[in-house]
């Protein structure tokens, strides 16, 4: 028998998790684009 409890994720938790991962990711992408633009000048 499998008696696991399901835990619901709230929209706030989801937004915080995406912010935690997404903000540094976005900063890295922007920094990479700026460095790439320097190469093509």
C-alpha atoms as a PDB file:
ATOM      1  CA  UNK A   1       0.000   0.000   0.000  1.00  0.00           C
ATOM      2  CA  UNK A   2       1.166   3.483  -0.859  1.00  0.00           C
ATOM      3  CA  UNK A   3       0.046   6.142   1.598  1.00  0.00           C
ATOM      4  CA  UNK A   4       1.823   9.312   0.412  1.00  0.00           C
ATOM      5  CA  UNK A   5       0.607  12.777   1.256  1.00  0.00           C
ATOM      6  CA  UNK A   6       0.271  15.273  -1.585  1.00  0.00           C
ATOM      7  CA  UNK A   7       1.608  18.736  -0.899  1.00  0.00           C
ATOM      8  CA  UNK A   8       0.171  21.599  -2.915  1.00  0.00           C
ATOM      9  CA  UNK A   9       2.491  24.356  -4.104  1.00  0.00           C
ATOM     10  CA  UNK A  10       1.015  27.830  -3.760  1.00  0.00           C
ATOM     11  CA  UNK A  11       1.394  30.378  -6.556  1.00  0.00           C
ATOM     12  CA  UNK A  12       3.517  32.493  -4.197  1.00  0.00           C
ATOM     13  CA  UNK A  13       5.949  29.626  -3.603  1.00  0.00           C
ATOM     14  CA  UNK A  14       6.110  29.027  -7.338  1.00  0.00           C
ATOM     15  CA  UNK A  15       6.825  32.703  -8.044  1.00  0.00           C
ATOM     16  CA  UNK A  16       9.532  32.817  -5.375  1.00  0.00           C
ATOM     17  CA  UNK A  17      11.192  29.689  -6.725  1.00  0.00           C
ATOM     18  CA  UNK A  18      11.196  31.053 -10.287  1.00  0.00           C
ATOM     19  CA  UNK A  19      12.562  34.392  -9.057  1.00  0.00           C
ATOM     20  CA  UNK A  20      15.293  32.634  -7.104  1.00  0.00           C
ATOM     21  CA  UNK A  21      16.456  30.818 -10.252  1.00  0.00           C
ATOM     22  CA  UNK A  22      15.333  33.266 -12.930  1.00  0.00           C
ATOM     23  CA  UNK A  23      16.899  36.521 -11.747  1.00  0.00           C
ATOM     24  CA  UNK A  24      20.521  35.244 -11.769  1.00  0.00           C
ATOM     25  CA  UNK A  25      19.822  33.439 -15.047  1.00  0.00           C
ATOM     26  CA  UNK A  26      18.493  36.619 -16.634  1.00  0.00           C
ATOM     27  CA  UNK A  27      21.467  38.613 -15.323  1.00  0.00           C
ATOM     28  CA  UNK A  28      23.835  36.062 -16.874  1.00  0.00           C
ATOM     29  CA  UNK A  29      22.073  36.208 -20.231  1.00  0.00           C
ATOM     30  CA  UNK A  30      22.181  40.021 -20.258  1.00  0.00           C
ATOM     31  CA  UNK A  31      25.878  40.033 -19.327  1.00  0.00           C
ATOM     32  CA  UNK A  32      26.611  37.511 -22.089  1.00  0.00           C
ATOM     33  CA  UNK A  33      24.745  39.622 -24.649  1.00  0.00           C
ATOM     34  CA  UNK A  34      26.694  42.747 -23.667  1.00  0.00           C
ATOM     35  CA  UNK A  35      29.989  40.855 -23.952  1.00  0.00           C
ATOM     36  CA  UNK A  36      28.942  39.466 -27.331  1.00  0.00           C
ATOM     37  CA  UNK A  37      28.085  42.962 -28.569  1.00  0.00           C
ATOM     38  CA  UNK A  38      31.641  44.098 -27.700  1.00  0.00           C
ATOM     39  CA  UNK A  39      33.026  41.367 -29.973  1.00  0.00           C
ATOM     40  CA  UNK A  40      31.027  42.529 -32.996  1.00  0.00           C
ATOM     41  CA  UNK A  41      31.847  46.239 -32.822  1.00  0.00           C
END
